[in-house]
Protein backbone atom coordinates (compact mmCIF):
# COMPACT_ATOMS: atom_id res chain seq x y z
CA UNK A 1 10.65 -9.08 17.90
CA UNK A 2 7.94 -6.76 16.57
CA UNK A 3 4.69 -6.21 18.41
CA UNK A 4 1.83 -6.15 15.93
CA UNK A 5 -1.37 -4.16 16.36
CA UNK A 6 -4.82 -5.35 15.32
CA UNK A 7 -5.54 -5.75 11.63
CA UNK A 8 -7.16 -2.69 10.10
CA UNK A 9 -8.94 -2.32 6.78
CA UNK A 10 -8.84 0.56 4.32
CA UNK A 11 -10.33 1.19 0.89
CA UNK A 12 -8.06 2.19 -1.99
CA UNK A 13 -9.47 4.74 -4.42
CA UNK A 14 -7.12 7.06 -6.28
CA UNK A 15 -6.59 8.64 -9.67
CA UNK A 16 -3.57 10.67 -8.54
CA UNK A 17 0.12 10.06 -9.09
CA UNK A 18 0.59 9.65 -5.33
CA UNK A 19 -1.99 8.57 -2.77
CA UNK A 20 -1.48 8.26 0.97
CA UNK A 21 -3.02 4.93 1.91
CA UNK A 22 -2.18 5.08 5.63
CA UNK A 23 -0.95 8.15 7.49
CA UNK A 24 2.39 8.05 9.29
CA UNK A 25 2.18 6.51 12.75
CA UNK A 26 3.95 7.53 15.98
CA UNK A 27 7.72 7.55 16.41
CA UNK A 28 9.11 4.01 16.25
CA UNK A 29 5.93 2.56 14.71
CA UNK A 30 5.86 1.07 11.21
CA UNK A 31 2.93 0.30 8.92
CA UNK A 32 2.90 -3.37 7.97
CA UNK A 33 0.80 -4.44 4.97
CA UNK A 34 -0.84 -7.82 5.46
CA UNK A 35 -2.67 -8.03 2.11
CA UNK A 36 -4.12 -5.91 -0.68
CA UNK A 37 -6.11 -5.95 -3.90
CA UNK A 38 -5.93 -3.49 -6.79
CA UNK A 39 -7.89 -2.99 -10.01
CA UNK A 40 -7.42 -0.22 -12.58
CA UNK A 41 -9.91 1.46 -14.90
CA UNK A 42 -7.12 1.85 -17.50
CA UNK A 43 -3.62 0.39 -17.79
CA UNK A 44 -1.51 1.57 -14.86
CA UNK A 45 1.87 0.92 -13.24
CA UNK A 46 1.91 1.20 -9.44
CA UNK A 47 4.46 0.91 -6.65
CA UNK A 48 4.00 0.87 -2.88
CA UNK A 49 6.39 3.33 -1.20
CA UNK A 50 7.57 4.12 2.31
CA UNK A 51 6.74 7.84 2.23
CA UNK A 52 5.74 9.94 -0.76
CA UNK A 53 8.60 9.62 -3.23
CA UNK A 54 10.36 7.45 -0.66
CA UNK A 55 11.86 3.99 -0.73
CA UNK A 56 10.07 1.54 -3.02
CA UNK A 57 8.52 -1.35 -1.09
CA UNK A 58 7.61 -3.22 -4.28
CA UNK A 59 8.81 -3.22 -7.82
CA UNK A 60 6.65 -1.63 -10.49
CA UNK A 61 3.43 -3.63 -10.83
CA UNK A 62 1.56 -3.39 -14.15
CA UNK A 63 -2.22 -3.39 -13.86
CA UNK A 64 -4.38 -4.35 -16.81
CA UNK A 65 -7.75 -2.66 -17.28
CA UNK A 66 -10.39 -4.37 -15.17
CA UNK A 67 -8.19 -7.30 -14.14
CA UNK A 68 -7.81 -7.51 -10.34
CA UNK A 69 -4.38 -8.05 -8.81
CA UNK A 70 -4.17 -9.15 -5.19
CA UNK A 71 -1.89 -10.59 -2.58
CA UNK A 72 -3.71 -12.71 -0.03
CA UNK A 73 -3.48 -11.70 3.58
CA UNK A 74 -0.50 -12.99 5.56
CA UNK A 75 -0.37 -12.89 9.34
CA UNK A 76 3.34 -12.04 9.09
CA UNK A 77 2.90 -9.25 6.57
CA UNK A 78 4.23 -8.75 3.08
CA UNK A 79 5.89 -5.33 3.32
CA UNK A 80 6.31 -2.47 5.77
CA UNK A 81 7.27 1.19 5.89
CA UNK A 82 10.09 2.81 7.79
CA UNK A 83 9.17 3.97 11.29
CA UNK A 84 6.90 7.05 11.50
CA UNK A 85 6.49 7.07 7.69
CA UNK A 86 3.28 7.02 5.65
CA UNK A 87 2.34 4.27 3.21
CA UNK A 88 2.10 5.68 -0.32
CA UNK A 89 0.71 4.23 -3.55
CA UNK A 90 2.56 5.77 -6.49
CA UNK A 91 1.36 5.38 -10.05
CA UNK A 92 2.71 6.51 -13.37
CA UNK A 93 -0.27 8.32 -14.87
CA UNK A 94 -3.72 9.09 -13.56
CA UNK A 95 -5.88 6.00 -14.08
CA UNK A 96 -8.50 5.25 -11.43
CA UNK A 97 -7.04 2.55 -9.16
CA UNK A 98 -9.35 0.97 -6.60
CA UNK A 99 -9.16 -1.87 -4.14
CA UNK A 100 -8.59 -2.68 -0.49
CA UNK A 101 -5.78 -2.89 2.02
CA UNK A 102 -5.32 -4.87 5.23
CA UNK A 103 -2.64 -3.43 7.49
CA UNK A 104 -1.47 -3.22 11.09
CA UNK A 105 1.10 -1.35 13.13
CA UNK A 106 4.46 -2.90 14.00
CA UNK A 107 6.59 -1.58 16.85
């Protein structure tokens, strides 16, 4: 059974192809996403990844200009990285993508 850390909050603001949302944690510790919201300034396709260029944690999600996309917070979490691996937001293109992230550690 995983031991979860306290919920933490982070802004999302990126116009790059890859953006580190949460830095890698200690050995044996995963990053668990509890909820998020995204909005794009132009059409964009994004994917959450375990590591930059790593395993996809979601399928490709198409964002429409100015239309928010969110997944409400879940106490159990909705996705998580591999141990000691950063959480990456990958997008095809360079549209400004903004939003928020609720996450915790899982060990």
